[in-house]
Amino acid sequence: MGRRGNPYDNAKVESFMKTPKVEAGYPMAFEIFDKAVEHLPHVVREVYDKFRLHSALGCLSPQQFEDRYIRQTDKSAA
């Protein structure tokens, strides 16, 4: 299971799913699974995609990275 390139290795998915559980699932303490499923797209769009820091982006959130990119392209276009 731990070999590189093994299609059954789900470390990336486990790492991703940890974030919504810790940052949204546990604090909200959903009593019904369906409510948690309804809330998951919000968590991914609003918390994970906008505010979570990503090492691949230089420890910036995707929102900060996009804002910086837009400012750089605006400066080079002017």
Protein backbone atom coordinates (compact mmCIF):
# COMPACT_ATOMS: atom_id res chain seq x y z
CA MET A 1 0.00 0.00 0.00
CA GLY A 2 2.77 2.49 0.66
CA ARG A 3 4.77 2.10 -2.55
CA ARG A 4 5.06 5.06 -4.85
CA GLY A 5 2.74 4.81 -7.85
CA ASN A 6 0.42 2.32 -6.20
CA PRO A 7 -3.10 3.20 -7.41
CA TYR A 8 -4.56 2.08 -4.09
CA ASP A 9 -2.50 4.49 -2.02
CA ASN A 10 -4.91 7.16 -0.83
CA ALA A 11 -2.61 9.38 1.23
CA LYS A 12 -3.53 12.48 -0.77
CA VAL A 13 -7.23 11.91 -0.31
CA GLU A 14 -6.79 11.23 3.39
CA SER A 15 -4.80 14.44 3.73
CA PHE A 16 -7.46 16.42 1.88
CA MET A 17 -10.36 14.95 3.85
CA LYS A 18 -8.66 15.72 7.15
CA THR A 19 -9.08 19.45 6.53
CA PRO A 20 -12.89 19.56 6.23
CA LYS A 21 -13.25 17.19 9.15
CA VAL A 22 -11.12 19.30 11.46
CA GLU A 23 -12.06 22.79 10.27
CA ALA A 24 -15.76 22.29 9.59
CA GLY A 25 -17.04 18.89 10.58
CA TYR A 26 -15.96 18.55 14.16
CA PRO A 27 -16.78 22.12 15.28
CA MET A 28 -20.25 21.94 13.69
CA ALA A 29 -21.02 18.50 15.19
CA PHE A 30 -23.57 17.44 12.59
CA GLU A 31 -26.19 15.07 13.91
CA ILE A 32 -27.32 13.88 10.47
CA PHE A 33 -24.93 12.71 7.76
CA ASP A 34 -27.02 14.40 5.04
CA LYS A 35 -26.45 17.80 6.65
CA ALA A 36 -22.71 17.22 6.62
CA VAL A 37 -22.86 16.23 2.94
CA GLU A 38 -24.82 19.41 2.15
CA HIS A 39 -22.22 21.51 3.97
CA LEU A 40 -19.17 19.92 2.28
CA PRO A 41 -19.26 21.93 -1.00
CA HIS A 42 -19.36 25.14 1.04
CA VAL A 43 -16.33 24.01 3.04
CA VAL A 44 -14.37 23.13 -0.09
CA ARG A 45 -15.24 26.36 -1.94
CA GLU A 46 -15.16 28.83 0.92
CA VAL A 47 -12.60 27.44 3.34
CA TYR A 48 -10.26 25.08 1.51
CA ASP A 49 -10.05 26.85 -1.83
CA LYS A 50 -9.94 30.46 -0.61
CA PHE A 51 -8.20 30.57 2.75
CA ARG A 52 -6.18 27.39 3.28
CA LEU A 53 -2.45 27.94 2.81
CA HIS A 54 -0.82 25.73 0.18
CA SER A 55 2.91 25.01 0.15
CA ALA A 56 2.87 24.63 -3.65
CA LEU A 57 1.76 28.27 -3.90
CA GLY A 58 4.52 29.60 -1.66
CA CYS A 59 2.45 29.26 1.52
CA LEU A 60 -0.26 31.54 0.17
CA SER A 61 -3.94 30.83 -0.01
CA PRO A 62 -5.26 30.33 -3.55
CA GLN A 63 -7.13 33.63 -3.24
CA GLN A 64 -3.93 35.49 -2.30
CA PHE A 65 -2.03 33.74 -5.10
CA GLU A 66 -4.64 34.73 -7.69
CA ASP A 67 -4.76 38.32 -6.42
CA ARG A 68 -0.98 38.56 -6.65
CA TYR A 69 -1.00 37.09 -10.17
CA ILE A 70 -3.68 39.53 -11.31
CA ARG A 71 -1.74 42.49 -9.88
CA GLN A 72 1.44 41.32 -11.64
CA THR A 73 -0.31 40.92 -14.99
CA ASP A 74 -1.97 44.32 -14.62
CA LYS A 75 1.41 45.95 -13.95
CA SER A 76 3.05 44.25 -16.92
CA ALA A 77 0.14 45.21 -19.21
CA ALA A 78 0.35 48.87 -18.21
